[in-house]
Protein backbone atom coordinates (compact mmCIF):
# COMPACT_ATOMS: atom_id res chain seq x y z
CA MET A 1 13.11 -38.63 -35.66
CA ILE A 2 13.20 -37.77 -31.88
CA VAL A 3 10.11 -37.26 -29.96
CA LEU A 4 9.80 -38.36 -26.38
CA CYS A 5 13.11 -37.48 -24.78
CA GLY A 6 14.37 -35.31 -22.07
CA PHE A 7 16.87 -32.38 -21.97
CA ILE A 8 18.55 -29.89 -19.64
CA GLY A 9 19.79 -26.28 -20.46
CA ILE A 10 21.86 -24.23 -18.44
CA PHE A 11 22.66 -20.62 -19.62
CA GLU A 12 24.52 -17.53 -18.62
CA PHE A 13 26.33 -19.24 -15.69
CA LYS A 14 29.12 -17.87 -13.70
CA GLU A 15 30.72 -20.98 -12.09
CA PRO A 16 33.62 -23.15 -13.75
CA LEU A 17 32.26 -25.04 -16.74
CA GLU A 18 33.27 -28.39 -15.40
CA THR A 19 31.34 -27.84 -12.25
CA VAL A 20 28.16 -26.86 -14.45
CA ARG A 21 28.96 -29.87 -16.73
CA MET A 22 28.81 -32.12 -13.84
CA ARG A 23 25.58 -30.35 -12.53
CA ALA A 24 23.83 -31.14 -15.99
CA LEU A 25 24.98 -34.52 -16.22
CA GLU A 26 23.30 -35.26 -12.68
CA MET A 27 20.09 -33.25 -13.65
CA ALA A 28 19.91 -35.26 -16.65
CA LYS A 29 19.53 -38.40 -14.95
CA THR A 30 16.39 -37.33 -13.37
CA VAL A 31 14.68 -37.28 -16.97
CA ARG A 32 16.36 -40.47 -18.06
CA HIS A 33 13.38 -42.32 -18.20
CA ARG A 34 11.91 -40.19 -20.99
CA GLY A 35 15.10 -41.03 -23.21
CA PRO A 36 16.48 -44.35 -22.25
CA ASP A 37 18.31 -45.12 -25.45
CA TRP A 38 21.34 -42.71 -25.36
CA SER A 39 22.80 -39.80 -23.58
CA GLY A 40 24.52 -36.74 -25.15
CA ILE A 41 25.96 -33.52 -23.96
CA TYR A 42 27.19 -30.29 -25.48
CA THR A 43 29.30 -27.86 -23.67
CA ASN A 44 30.46 -24.00 -23.97
CA GLU A 45 31.79 -21.56 -21.47
CA HIS A 46 28.41 -20.01 -21.92
CA ALA A 47 25.95 -23.00 -22.19
CA VAL A 48 25.53 -26.55 -21.40
CA LEU A 49 23.07 -28.94 -23.03
CA ALA A 50 22.61 -32.25 -22.04
CA HIS A 51 20.25 -34.85 -23.95
CA GLU A 52 18.89 -38.18 -23.04
CA ARG A 53 17.14 -39.89 -26.17
CA LEU A 54 14.17 -42.12 -26.86
CA SER A 55 14.88 -43.40 -30.44
CA ILE A 56 11.54 -43.43 -32.56
CA VAL A 57 12.56 -42.62 -36.17
CA ASP A 58 16.37 -42.75 -37.49
CA VAL A 59 17.12 -45.01 -34.66
CA GLU A 60 20.77 -45.46 -35.64
CA HIS A 61 21.41 -41.80 -36.12
CA GLY A 62 20.13 -38.37 -34.98
CA ALA A 63 21.90 -38.40 -31.38
CA GLN A 64 21.63 -35.03 -29.74
CA PRO A 65 22.40 -32.46 -29.08
CA LEU A 66 22.44 -31.48 -32.98
CA LEU A 67 25.12 -29.09 -34.35
CA ASP A 68 25.07 -26.56 -37.04
CA VAL A 69 29.11 -26.36 -36.95
CA ALA A 70 29.00 -23.76 -39.79
CA ALA A 71 27.04 -21.40 -37.57
CA GLY A 72 28.14 -22.46 -34.29
CA ARG A 73 24.83 -23.36 -32.97
CA ALA A 74 23.75 -26.51 -30.88
CA LEU A 75 20.27 -27.67 -30.20
CA ALA A 76 18.45 -30.03 -27.69
CA VAL A 77 14.98 -31.06 -28.63
CA ASN A 78 12.05 -33.14 -27.54
CA GLY A 79 9.65 -33.10 -30.22
CA GLU A 80 8.45 -34.24 -33.68
CA ILE A 81 8.15 -31.96 -36.70
CA TYR A 82 5.66 -33.72 -39.33
CA ASN A 83 6.50 -31.16 -42.02
CA HIS A 84 10.08 -31.28 -41.85
CA LEU A 85 10.41 -32.61 -45.55
CA ALA A 86 8.22 -29.67 -46.88
CA LEU A 87 10.14 -27.17 -44.71
CA GLN A 88 13.58 -28.33 -46.39
CA ARG A 89 12.16 -26.87 -49.55
CA GLU A 90 11.69 -23.54 -47.85
CA LEU A 91 15.51 -23.11 -47.12
CA LYS A 92 17.20 -20.74 -49.04
CA ARG A 93 20.64 -21.90 -49.23
CA PRO A 94 22.30 -25.19 -48.88
CA HIS A 95 23.24 -26.78 -45.23
CA ALA A 96 25.39 -29.19 -43.95
CA TRP A 97 22.95 -32.15 -43.06
CA LYS A 98 24.16 -34.51 -40.44
CA THR A 99 21.22 -36.69 -39.79
CA LYS A 100 17.81 -37.92 -41.25
CA SER A 101 16.29 -36.29 -37.91
CA ASP A 102 13.08 -34.51 -38.53
CA CYS A 103 14.31 -31.93 -35.60
CA GLU A 104 17.60 -31.11 -37.43
CA ILE A 105 15.43 -28.55 -39.57
CA ILE A 106 15.05 -26.33 -36.46
CA LEU A 107 18.59 -25.22 -37.04
CA TYR A 108 18.55 -24.36 -40.38
CA LEU A 109 15.18 -22.46 -40.04
CA TYR A 110 16.54 -20.54 -36.87
CA ASP A 111 19.61 -19.57 -38.99
CA GLU A 112 17.44 -18.39 -41.99
CA TYR A 113 14.19 -17.14 -40.25
CA GLY A 114 15.03 -16.50 -36.59
CA PRO A 115 12.23 -16.94 -34.13
CA ALA A 116 9.53 -16.87 -36.82
CA LEU A 117 10.56 -20.66 -37.36
CA CYS A 118 7.96 -21.41 -34.57
CA GLU A 119 4.90 -20.57 -36.78
CA MET A 120 6.49 -22.88 -39.44
CA LEU A 121 6.63 -26.00 -37.58
CA SER A 122 3.57 -28.44 -37.86
CA GLY A 123 4.21 -30.75 -34.91
CA ILE A 124 5.00 -31.06 -31.23
CA PHE A 125 8.28 -29.67 -29.55
CA ALA A 126 10.07 -28.10 -26.71
CA PHE A 127 13.66 -27.18 -27.43
CA ALA A 128 16.65 -25.16 -26.58
CA LEU A 129 19.28 -23.63 -28.98
CA PHE A 130 22.42 -22.00 -28.16
CA ASP A 131 24.31 -19.60 -30.66
CA ALA A 132 28.10 -19.64 -29.52
CA THR A 133 28.79 -16.59 -31.87
CA THR A 134 26.29 -14.40 -30.15
CA ARG A 135 26.12 -16.25 -26.91
CA ASP A 136 22.34 -15.77 -27.10
CA PHE A 137 19.97 -18.83 -26.34
CA PHE A 138 16.57 -19.36 -27.65
CA VAL A 139 13.81 -21.75 -26.11
CA ALA A 140 10.64 -22.40 -27.46
CA ARG A 141 7.64 -24.65 -26.80
CA ASP A 142 4.79 -26.05 -29.11
CA HIS A 143 1.20 -24.44 -29.49
CA ILE A 144 -0.68 -26.17 -26.75
CA GLY A 145 1.99 -27.69 -24.52
CA ILE A 146 1.77 -31.20 -25.83
CA ILE A 147 5.41 -31.52 -24.88
CA PRO A 148 6.64 -30.30 -21.16
CA LEU A 149 9.00 -27.72 -20.27
CA TYR A 150 9.85 -25.87 -17.27
CA ILE A 151 12.19 -22.82 -16.66
CA GLY A 152 14.06 -21.70 -13.48
CA TRP A 153 16.28 -18.93 -12.52
CA ASN A 154 18.96 -18.24 -9.89
CA SER A 155 20.19 -15.02 -8.14
CA ASP A 156 23.49 -15.08 -10.06
CA GLY A 157 21.58 -14.49 -13.29
CA SER A 158 22.02 -18.17 -14.73
CA THR A 159 18.94 -19.70 -16.60
CA TYR A 160 18.03 -23.46 -16.49
CA VAL A 161 15.10 -25.33 -18.65
CA ALA A 162 14.34 -28.74 -18.31
CA SER A 163 11.84 -31.26 -19.85
CA GLU A 164 10.66 -31.96 -16.23
CA MET A 165 10.56 -29.88 -13.07
CA LYS A 166 12.09 -32.40 -10.78
CA ALA A 167 15.46 -31.67 -12.77
CA LEU A 168 15.27 -27.87 -11.49
CA ASP A 169 13.63 -28.50 -8.25
CA ALA A 170 16.76 -28.55 -6.04
CA ILE A 171 18.91 -26.39 -8.17
CA CYS A 172 17.01 -23.15 -8.91
CA GLU A 173 15.62 -20.49 -6.55
CA SER A 174 12.33 -20.28 -8.60
CA VAL A 175 10.73 -22.43 -11.19
CA GLN A 176 7.73 -22.21 -13.49
CA GLU A 177 6.01 -23.89 -16.22
CA PHE A 178 7.29 -22.57 -19.76
CA PRO A 179 4.23 -21.11 -21.30
CA PRO A 180 2.73 -23.18 -24.27
CA GLY A 181 2.74 -21.41 -27.59
CA HIS A 182 5.82 -18.89 -26.40
CA TYR A 183 9.65 -18.59 -27.07
CA TYR A 184 12.09 -16.85 -24.57
CA THR A 185 15.70 -15.48 -25.69
CA GLY A 186 18.38 -14.83 -23.43
CA SER A 187 19.20 -11.38 -24.81
CA GLU A 188 15.40 -10.18 -24.14
CA LYS A 189 14.72 -12.13 -21.06
CA ARG A 190 11.12 -12.26 -21.66
CA PHE A 191 8.23 -14.77 -22.88
CA VAL A 192 7.13 -13.94 -26.33
CA LYS A 193 3.79 -15.28 -27.59
CA TRP A 194 4.07 -16.91 -31.07
CA TYR A 195 0.86 -19.04 -31.13
CA ASP A 196 -2.27 -16.44 -31.27
CA PRO A 197 -4.76 -18.11 -33.47
CA VAL A 198 -7.92 -16.04 -34.54
CA TRP A 199 -10.26 -18.53 -32.90
CA ALA A 200 -8.71 -17.70 -29.64
CA ARG A 201 -9.91 -14.03 -29.91
CA THR A 202 -13.04 -14.21 -31.60
CA VAL A 203 -16.15 -16.41 -31.69
CA PRO A 204 -16.08 -18.22 -35.12
CA THR A 205 -19.19 -18.07 -37.54
CA GLU A 206 -18.16 -20.82 -40.23
CA ARG A 207 -20.65 -23.68 -40.41
CA VAL A 208 -19.29 -26.97 -40.14
CA SER A 209 -18.20 -29.24 -42.99
CA LEU A 210 -18.19 -32.80 -41.89
CA GLN A 211 -16.53 -33.78 -44.88
CA ARG A 212 -13.65 -31.35 -44.00
CA LEU A 213 -13.73 -32.11 -40.35
CA ARG A 214 -13.32 -35.86 -41.25
CA ALA A 215 -10.28 -35.34 -43.62
CA THR A 216 -8.54 -33.10 -41.54
CA LEU A 217 -8.64 -35.50 -38.66
CA GLU A 218 -7.43 -38.32 -41.07
CA THR A 219 -4.71 -36.20 -41.92
CA ALA A 220 -3.65 -35.69 -38.53
CA VAL A 221 -3.69 -39.27 -37.52
CA LYS A 222 -1.94 -40.31 -40.60
CA GLN A 223 0.88 -38.10 -40.44
CA GLN A 224 1.46 -39.02 -36.62
CA LEU A 225 2.23 -42.80 -37.84
CA MET A 226 5.65 -41.89 -38.70
CA CYS A 227 7.66 -44.39 -36.92
CA ASP A 228 10.64 -46.79 -37.06
CA VAL A 229 9.90 -48.92 -34.02
CA PRO A 230 6.58 -51.01 -33.02
CA TYR A 231 3.63 -48.66 -32.02
CA GLY A 232 0.19 -49.09 -30.76
CA VAL A 233 -3.24 -47.47 -30.07
CA LEU A 234 -4.84 -46.88 -26.62
CA ILE A 235 -8.76 -47.62 -26.72
CA SER A 236 -10.91 -46.74 -23.76
CA GLY A 237 -13.89 -47.75 -25.42
CA GLY A 238 -15.25 -44.17 -25.65
CA LEU A 239 -15.48 -42.09 -28.89
CA ASP A 240 -12.29 -40.25 -29.08
CA SER A 241 -9.59 -42.94 -28.75
CA SER A 242 -11.78 -45.33 -30.74
CA LEU A 243 -11.76 -43.08 -33.49
CA ILE A 244 -7.90 -42.23 -33.42
CA ALA A 245 -7.58 -46.24 -33.36
CA ALA A 246 -9.94 -46.80 -36.26
CA ILE A 247 -8.29 -44.30 -38.61
CA ALA A 248 -4.78 -45.41 -37.48
CA ALA A 249 -5.98 -49.11 -38.32
CA ARG A 250 -6.78 -47.95 -42.04
CA HIS A 251 -3.41 -46.82 -42.55
CA ARG A 252 -1.39 -49.66 -40.78
CA PHE A 253 -0.22 -51.73 -43.79
CA LYS A 254 1.50 -49.09 -45.86
CA ARG A 255 4.73 -47.01 -44.63
CA ILE A 256 3.57 -43.47 -44.05
CA GLU A 257 7.31 -42.17 -44.62
CA SER A 258 7.02 -43.46 -48.32
CA GLY A 259 3.88 -41.89 -48.89
CA GLU A 260 2.37 -45.30 -48.55
CA THR A 261 4.12 -46.82 -51.52
CA GLU A 262 6.04 -49.50 -49.17
CA GLU A 263 4.66 -51.98 -46.84
CA ALA A 264 4.69 -51.06 -42.97
CA TRP A 265 7.31 -52.33 -41.11
CA TRP A 266 4.80 -53.34 -38.36
CA PRO A 267 1.48 -54.26 -40.11
CA ARG A 268 -0.23 -55.80 -36.81
CA LEU A 269 -1.65 -53.07 -34.80
CA HIS A 270 -1.97 -53.71 -31.18
CA SER A 271 -4.40 -52.09 -29.04
CA PHE A 272 -4.59 -51.47 -25.09
CA SER A 273 -6.99 -50.77 -22.57
CA VAL A 274 -7.10 -50.54 -18.70
CA GLY A 275 -9.52 -51.12 -15.98
CA LEU A 276 -10.64 -52.66 -12.77
CA GLN A 277 -12.31 -55.91 -13.13
CA GLY A 278 -15.88 -55.55 -15.03
CA SER A 279 -15.25 -51.85 -15.88
CA PRO A 280 -17.50 -49.93 -18.13
CA ASP A 281 -14.99 -49.32 -20.59
CA ALA A 282 -13.40 -52.86 -21.00
CA GLU A 283 -16.41 -54.45 -22.87
CA TYR A 284 -16.55 -51.44 -25.36
CA ALA A 285 -12.90 -51.43 -25.82
CA ARG A 286 -12.99 -55.30 -26.84
CA LYS A 287 -15.97 -54.26 -29.29
CA VAL A 288 -13.67 -51.66 -31.01
CA ALA A 289 -10.81 -53.92 -31.29
CA ALA A 290 -12.84 -56.51 -32.77
CA HIS A 291 -14.38 -54.07 -35.46
CA ILE A 292 -10.90 -52.43 -36.63
CA GLY A 293 -9.07 -55.69 -36.37
CA THR A 294 -6.31 -54.94 -33.82
CA VAL A 295 -4.41 -57.39 -31.37
CA HIS A 296 -6.19 -56.42 -28.23
CA HIS A 297 -4.53 -56.50 -24.83
CA GLU A 298 -6.36 -55.64 -21.33
CA LEU A 299 -4.65 -54.71 -18.26
CA VAL A 300 -6.72 -55.33 -15.10
CA PHE A 301 -5.59 -53.77 -11.99
CA THR A 302 -6.72 -53.84 -8.42
CA LEU A 303 -7.55 -50.98 -6.13
CA GLN A 304 -4.16 -52.00 -4.02
CA GLU A 305 -2.12 -51.76 -7.02
CA GLY A 306 -3.48 -48.42 -8.05
CA LEU A 307 -3.12 -46.97 -4.63
CA ASP A 308 0.52 -48.35 -4.32
CA ALA A 309 1.37 -46.39 -7.64
CA VAL A 310 -0.24 -42.88 -6.57
CA ARG A 311 2.99 -41.60 -4.94
CA ASP A 312 5.06 -42.38 -8.02
CA VAL A 313 2.43 -40.94 -10.04
CA ILE A 314 2.51 -37.78 -8.45
CA ARG A 315 6.30 -37.86 -8.73
CA HIS A 316 6.28 -38.24 -12.35
CA LEU A 317 3.16 -35.97 -13.05
CA GLU A 318 4.46 -33.12 -11.00
CA THR A 319 1.01 -32.27 -9.98
CA PHE A 320 -1.35 -32.65 -7.10
CA ASP A 321 -4.56 -31.91 -9.26
CA VAL A 322 -7.18 -34.53 -8.38
CA THR A 323 -8.65 -35.60 -11.72
CA SER A 324 -5.06 -35.82 -13.37
CA ILE A 325 -4.07 -38.18 -10.47
CA ARG A 326 -7.30 -40.19 -10.74
CA ALA A 327 -6.76 -40.65 -14.56
CA ALA A 328 -3.06 -40.92 -14.69
CA THR A 329 -2.78 -43.82 -12.13
CA PRO A 330 -4.14 -46.51 -14.46
CA MET A 331 -2.62 -45.00 -17.63
CA TYR A 332 0.76 -45.33 -15.60
CA LEU A 333 0.22 -48.95 -14.67
CA MET A 334 -0.76 -49.70 -18.28
CA ALA A 335 2.19 -47.91 -19.97
CA ARG A 336 4.36 -50.16 -18.14
CA LYS A 337 2.82 -53.23 -19.39
CA ILE A 338 2.96 -51.83 -23.19
CA LYS A 339 6.75 -50.99 -22.69
CA SER A 340 7.27 -54.50 -21.49
CA MET A 341 6.01 -55.80 -25.03
CA GLY A 342 8.17 -53.77 -27.07
CA ILE A 343 6.03 -51.09 -28.04
CA LYS A 344 7.42 -47.61 -27.98
CA MET A 345 4.73 -45.19 -29.30
CA VAL A 346 0.89 -45.22 -28.87
CA LEU A 347 -1.65 -42.79 -30.28
CA SER A 348 -4.41 -41.74 -27.93
CA GLY A 349 -7.56 -39.48 -27.94
CA GLU A 350 -6.85 -36.41 -25.52
CA GLY A 351 -8.24 -33.22 -26.71
CA ALA A 352 -11.47 -33.98 -28.21
CA ASP A 353 -13.62 -32.87 -25.24
CA GLU A 354 -12.17 -29.64 -25.07
CA VAL A 355 -12.24 -28.91 -28.93
CA PHE A 356 -15.90 -30.23 -29.16
CA GLY A 357 -17.42 -29.46 -25.74
CA GLY A 358 -17.50 -33.13 -24.94
CA TYR A 359 -17.69 -33.07 -20.90
CA LEU A 360 -21.04 -33.21 -19.64
CA TYR A 361 -21.31 -29.98 -18.08
CA PHE A 362 -21.21 -28.55 -21.83
CA HIS A 363 -24.78 -29.28 -21.65
CA MET A 364 -25.45 -26.45 -19.59
CA ALA A 365 -23.70 -23.81 -21.69
CA PRO A 366 -26.25 -20.89 -22.21
CA THR A 367 -25.01 -19.69 -25.32
CA PRO A 368 -22.68 -20.59 -28.39
CA LYS A 369 -20.14 -17.60 -27.20
CA GLU A 370 -20.17 -19.07 -23.54
CA PHE A 371 -19.58 -22.58 -25.25
CA HIS A 372 -16.86 -21.43 -27.39
CA GLU A 373 -14.93 -19.46 -24.68
CA GLU A 374 -15.06 -22.24 -22.42
CA THR A 375 -13.32 -24.69 -25.11
CA VAL A 376 -10.64 -22.06 -25.66
CA ARG A 377 -10.06 -21.97 -22.04
CA LYS A 378 -9.96 -25.67 -21.65
CA LEU A 379 -7.50 -25.95 -24.59
CA PHE A 380 -5.15 -23.41 -23.15
CA ALA A 381 -5.14 -25.12 -19.81
CA LEU A 382 -4.17 -28.79 -21.24
CA SER A 383 -0.51 -28.44 -20.77
CA LYS A 384 -1.45 -28.57 -16.78
CA TYR A 385 -3.92 -31.29 -17.32
CA ASP A 386 -4.45 -33.76 -19.87
CA CYS A 387 -1.27 -33.21 -21.84
CA CYS A 388 0.47 -33.42 -18.48
CA ARG A 389 -1.16 -36.63 -17.74
CA ALA A 390 -0.87 -38.21 -21.29
CA ASN A 391 2.75 -37.38 -21.67
CA LYS A 392 4.27 -37.87 -18.31
CA ALA A 393 2.45 -41.02 -17.11
CA THR A 394 3.77 -42.83 -20.07
CA ALA A 395 7.01 -41.26 -20.42
CA ALA A 396 7.69 -42.90 -16.97
CA TRP A 397 8.55 -45.92 -18.66
CA GLY A 398 10.04 -44.49 -21.91
CA LEU A 399 6.74 -44.88 -24.05
CA GLU A 400 5.61 -41.77 -26.01
CA THR A 401 1.84 -40.86 -26.46
CA ARG A 402 0.87 -38.86 -29.45
CA VAL A 403 -2.53 -36.94 -29.52
CA PRO A 404 -3.82 -36.17 -33.02
CA PHE A 405 -6.81 -34.18 -31.94
CA LEU A 406 -4.55 -31.47 -30.69
CA ASP A 407 -2.62 -31.31 -33.95
CA LYS A 408 -2.04 -27.58 -34.93
CA GLU A 409 -3.71 -27.79 -38.56
CA PHE A 410 -6.59 -29.74 -37.17
CA LEU A 411 -7.43 -27.12 -34.41
CA ASP A 412 -7.04 -24.57 -36.94
CA TYR A 413 -10.26 -26.01 -38.48
CA ALA A 414 -11.96 -27.51 -35.72
CA MET A 415 -12.03 -24.37 -33.64
CA SER A 416 -12.93 -22.14 -36.45
CA ILE A 417 -16.28 -24.07 -36.56
CA ASP A 418 -19.37 -22.07 -35.24
CA PRO A 419 -19.87 -23.11 -31.73
CA ALA A 420 -23.62 -23.08 -32.53
CA ASP A 421 -22.79 -26.47 -34.32
CA LYS A 422 -21.08 -27.95 -31.61
CA MET A 423 -23.48 -27.39 -28.87
CA CYS A 424 -25.38 -30.13 -27.21
CA PRO A 425 -28.69 -28.59 -25.30
CA GLY A 426 -30.79 -30.66 -23.21
CA LYS A 427 -30.59 -34.37 -23.97
CA THR A 428 -28.76 -33.87 -27.40
CA ILE A 429 -25.66 -36.05 -27.07
CA GLU A 430 -22.28 -34.13 -26.89
CA LYS A 431 -19.62 -34.09 -29.87
CA GLY A 432 -22.48 -34.85 -32.25
CA ILE A 433 -20.72 -33.33 -35.43
CA LEU A 434 -17.77 -35.40 -34.65
CA ARG A 435 -20.04 -38.69 -34.52
CA GLU A 436 -21.60 -37.71 -37.69
CA ALA A 437 -18.39 -37.26 -39.48
CA PHE A 438 -17.41 -40.89 -38.67
CA ARG A 439 -20.56 -42.70 -38.77
CA ASP A 440 -19.15 -45.61 -40.99
CA LEU A 441 -15.88 -46.24 -38.90
CA LEU A 442 -17.28 -47.48 -35.31
CA PRO A 443 -19.80 -49.98 -33.99
CA GLU A 444 -23.38 -47.80 -33.28
CA GLU A 445 -23.08 -48.53 -29.63
CA VAL A 446 -19.56 -47.05 -29.63
CA LEU A 447 -20.24 -44.25 -32.00
CA TRP A 448 -23.17 -42.85 -29.65
CA ARG A 449 -21.91 -43.85 -26.39
CA GLN A 450 -22.24 -40.91 -23.66
CA LYS A 451 -19.23 -39.40 -22.44
CA GLU A 452 -17.37 -41.19 -19.70
CA GLN A 453 -14.30 -39.72 -18.13
CA PHE A 454 -11.07 -41.96 -18.09
CA SER A 455 -11.04 -42.19 -14.54
CA ASP A 456 -14.89 -43.07 -14.27
CA GLY A 457 -14.49 -45.49 -17.11
CA VAL A 458 -11.98 -47.57 -15.72
CA GLY A 459 -14.30 -48.55 -12.88
CA TYR A 460 -16.32 -46.46 -10.69
CA GLY A 461 -14.59 -48.37 -7.72
CA TRP A 462 -11.33 -46.45 -8.37
CA ILE A 463 -12.59 -43.05 -7.66
CA ASP A 464 -14.56 -44.43 -4.60
CA CYS A 465 -11.54 -46.01 -3.26
CA LEU A 466 -9.33 -43.04 -3.55
CA LYS A 467 -12.11 -40.72 -1.89
CA ARG A 468 -12.03 -43.54 1.03
CA HIS A 469 -8.45 -43.53 1.43
CA ALA A 470 -8.23 -40.11 1.74
CA GLU A 471 -10.81 -40.05 4.34
CA GLU A 472 -8.64 -42.34 6.36
CA LYS A 473 -5.50 -40.01 6.05
CA VAL A 474 -6.94 -36.53 6.31
CA THR A 475 -9.03 -35.66 9.24
CA ASP A 476 -11.82 -32.93 9.75
CA GLU A 477 -9.51 -31.11 11.85
CA MET A 478 -6.82 -31.23 9.29
CA MET A 479 -9.05 -29.89 6.60
CA ALA A 480 -10.08 -27.15 9.16
CA ASP A 481 -6.49 -25.97 9.25
CA VAL A 482 -5.83 -26.41 5.44
CA ALA A 483 -5.17 -22.79 4.66
CA GLN A 484 -2.73 -22.63 7.42
CA ARG A 485 -0.89 -25.69 6.18
CA PHE A 486 -1.06 -24.78 2.35
CA PRO A 487 -1.47 -20.96 2.22
CA GLN A 488 -0.83 -21.16 -1.47
CA GLN A 489 -2.59 -23.24 -3.98
CA THR A 490 -5.04 -24.33 -1.10
CA PRO A 491 -6.63 -27.71 -1.52
CA THR A 492 -10.46 -27.67 -1.50
CA SER A 493 -11.04 -31.33 -0.43
CA LYS A 494 -9.62 -34.17 1.39
CA GLU A 495 -8.63 -36.07 -1.71
CA GLY A 496 -6.69 -32.68 -2.81
CA TYR A 497 -5.04 -32.34 0.56
CA LEU A 498 -3.76 -35.95 0.59
CA TYR A 499 -2.14 -35.44 -2.98
CA ARG A 500 -0.78 -31.86 -2.01
CA ALA A 501 1.08 -33.60 1.03
CA ILE A 502 2.44 -36.09 -1.08
CA PHE A 503 3.58 -33.44 -3.62
CA ASP A 504 5.25 -31.32 -1.04
CA SER A 505 7.23 -34.17 0.27
CA ILE A 506 8.86 -34.70 -3.16
CA PHE A 507 9.07 -31.23 -4.40
CA GLN A 508 11.08 -28.86 -2.01
CA ASN A 509 11.26 -25.61 -3.88
CA PRO A 510 8.87 -22.88 -2.52
CA THR A 511 7.68 -22.38 -5.84
CA ALA A 512 6.92 -25.74 -7.31
CA CYS A 513 3.29 -25.57 -5.94
CA LEU A 514 2.57 -22.64 -8.28
CA THR A 515 3.00 -24.70 -11.26
CA VAL A 516 -0.31 -26.43 -10.33
CA PRO A 517 -3.75 -24.63 -10.69
CA VAL A 518 -6.22 -24.89 -7.97
CA GLY A 519 -9.82 -24.16 -8.07
CA PRO A 520 -13.48 -25.81 -8.01
CA SER A 521 -14.45 -28.06 -10.76
CA ILE A 522 -17.49 -30.08 -11.83
CA ALA A 523 -16.84 -32.71 -14.23
CA CYS A 524 -13.64 -31.16 -15.40
CA SER A 525 -15.02 -27.52 -15.97
CA THR A 526 -12.89 -24.45 -15.30
CA PRO A 527 -14.06 -22.29 -12.33
CA THR A 528 -15.64 -19.69 -14.83
CA ALA A 529 -18.14 -22.39 -16.05
CA PHE A 530 -19.56 -22.60 -12.36
CA ARG A 531 -21.95 -19.70 -13.21
CA TRP A 532 -23.77 -21.90 -16.01
CA SER A 533 -25.65 -23.75 -13.13
CA GLN A 534 -26.78 -22.82 -9.48
CA ASP A 535 -26.36 -26.50 -8.67
CA PHE A 536 -22.48 -26.04 -9.34
CA ALA A 537 -22.25 -23.64 -6.52
CA LYS A 538 -23.04 -26.45 -3.95
CA MET A 539 -20.53 -28.92 -5.41
CA ASP A 540 -16.66 -29.60 -6.17
CA ASP A 541 -16.37 -33.09 -7.68
CA PRO A 542 -14.25 -33.15 -11.13
CA SER A 543 -15.79 -36.73 -11.71
CA GLY A 544 -18.13 -36.86 -14.71
CA ARG A 545 -20.86 -38.35 -12.42
CA ALA A 546 -21.21 -34.93 -10.84
CA VAL A 547 -23.39 -33.81 -13.82
CA LYS A 548 -26.54 -36.19 -13.61
CA GLY A 549 -29.72 -36.53 -15.82
CA VAL A 550 -28.18 -35.07 -19.15
CA HIS A 551 -29.13 -37.95 -21.28
CA LEU A 552 -29.50 -41.55 -21.09
CA TYR A 553 -26.93 -44.03 -22.40
CA ALA A 554 -29.31 -45.45 -24.94
CA VAL A 555 -29.17 -42.44 -27.22
CA THR A 556 -28.48 -43.26 -30.75
CA ALA A 557 -28.60 -39.98 -32.84
CA ILE A 558 -28.36 -36.64 -32.51
């Protein structure tokens, strides 16, 4: 299995092959942190694929690019296909398998089903496939954009794809994020949406089944434990990561790949948390770890260590979004410590707040329809926010993060629940149905703990420090001229100004800034949700502290 990796694809070039090959090798170096275990390259007079591998499963084999020699196709993948064994039974004819990699199935599905293969995959992926016979190429990205992917073009007609934008920045005339849930072919030169679930277009009416909700999430966590190297769990002390960790702990003794018939290779499950000294999350994380029986590790960072890391965080995340940088910096520091302990994969809790309306501003949703439509907006923007942070902040150190709440099959059920069952009016606690479904797994004080955004929970001093730092670096006069300095994607705060200035000093392509959304936000809301409250119109603060008086921390039931 090959999950966290980096790859480069170059197609339809006019230059000599050796020139393009050497360029691909140089570009691949910019994403080698994603795959430090091995490098591979495929060349054809019409295409070059370069791959940097992080070995997670089938460590001894599965080097990429993968080849279907009989069909004349080559494939570079960053992904994990959970249902690859079931899909093998869907193949209509035999194929010459070369590895035990779950990703090899993509070659043979494409051979038999073409672009329809995307809908058949249960997993996370970004890949580029080249067909030497037709000289066509096929590029696709997973349903929500859990795996990053960028695309760029030059005036000579050449097309480039890469796992991170930094590989394209100095090469392409224009770059953009490859849209999640889409594919692109060289022959048609257009993006085609392959992921279009019913719940994204209608307001569901199916009442919740707590039993089904629980079973579907447990299945998602269980299948993501496939791993041939040491793995761990992240515990912030909040509900989401704690639930994922608790479910994983229940299955840590048996090997998932064998259908839980063999002993696990790594029976001791290690958990990790990060924060300033005395952070709100640390105490709760320790309680969770003790309750589920993990070997727990805490990383305590200082404000100065965080400030010193901000520039590197912006370079790795490829964003100037304020919330993402606030939250990614502690995660980036923690990931380095985790990797130093020999851990190569961790499970995390991203996505639950988008699915269940967990951010505090959701208490102000006026109707079930508005509630649901905001969750849909949030989910389909995740590739620019939490998915970007969770993937790239850890990939910076060759550590892979998996996010079971965004599993495609889990989404299909959880997002088909009547939003009236998810709503949290007044002082009702958010994510109530999720808490009820898992009442027996966590300590009461964690199960019913109020939402705390990660950038807040690591220690309120962290955000205050960043704001003070921005005030020192960005004057009122500079803010008065912000629209002249940054006419596109104009920052709306001094903190945003500072991050944008750092971003522009790293990324030189004039289209790079367009990959980052800009707009007012309250506690991670979309700009659309501003109309839910007149108070929002006076504010622009992505911290959860911007929404006050929702309910008390002592809430113990819905």
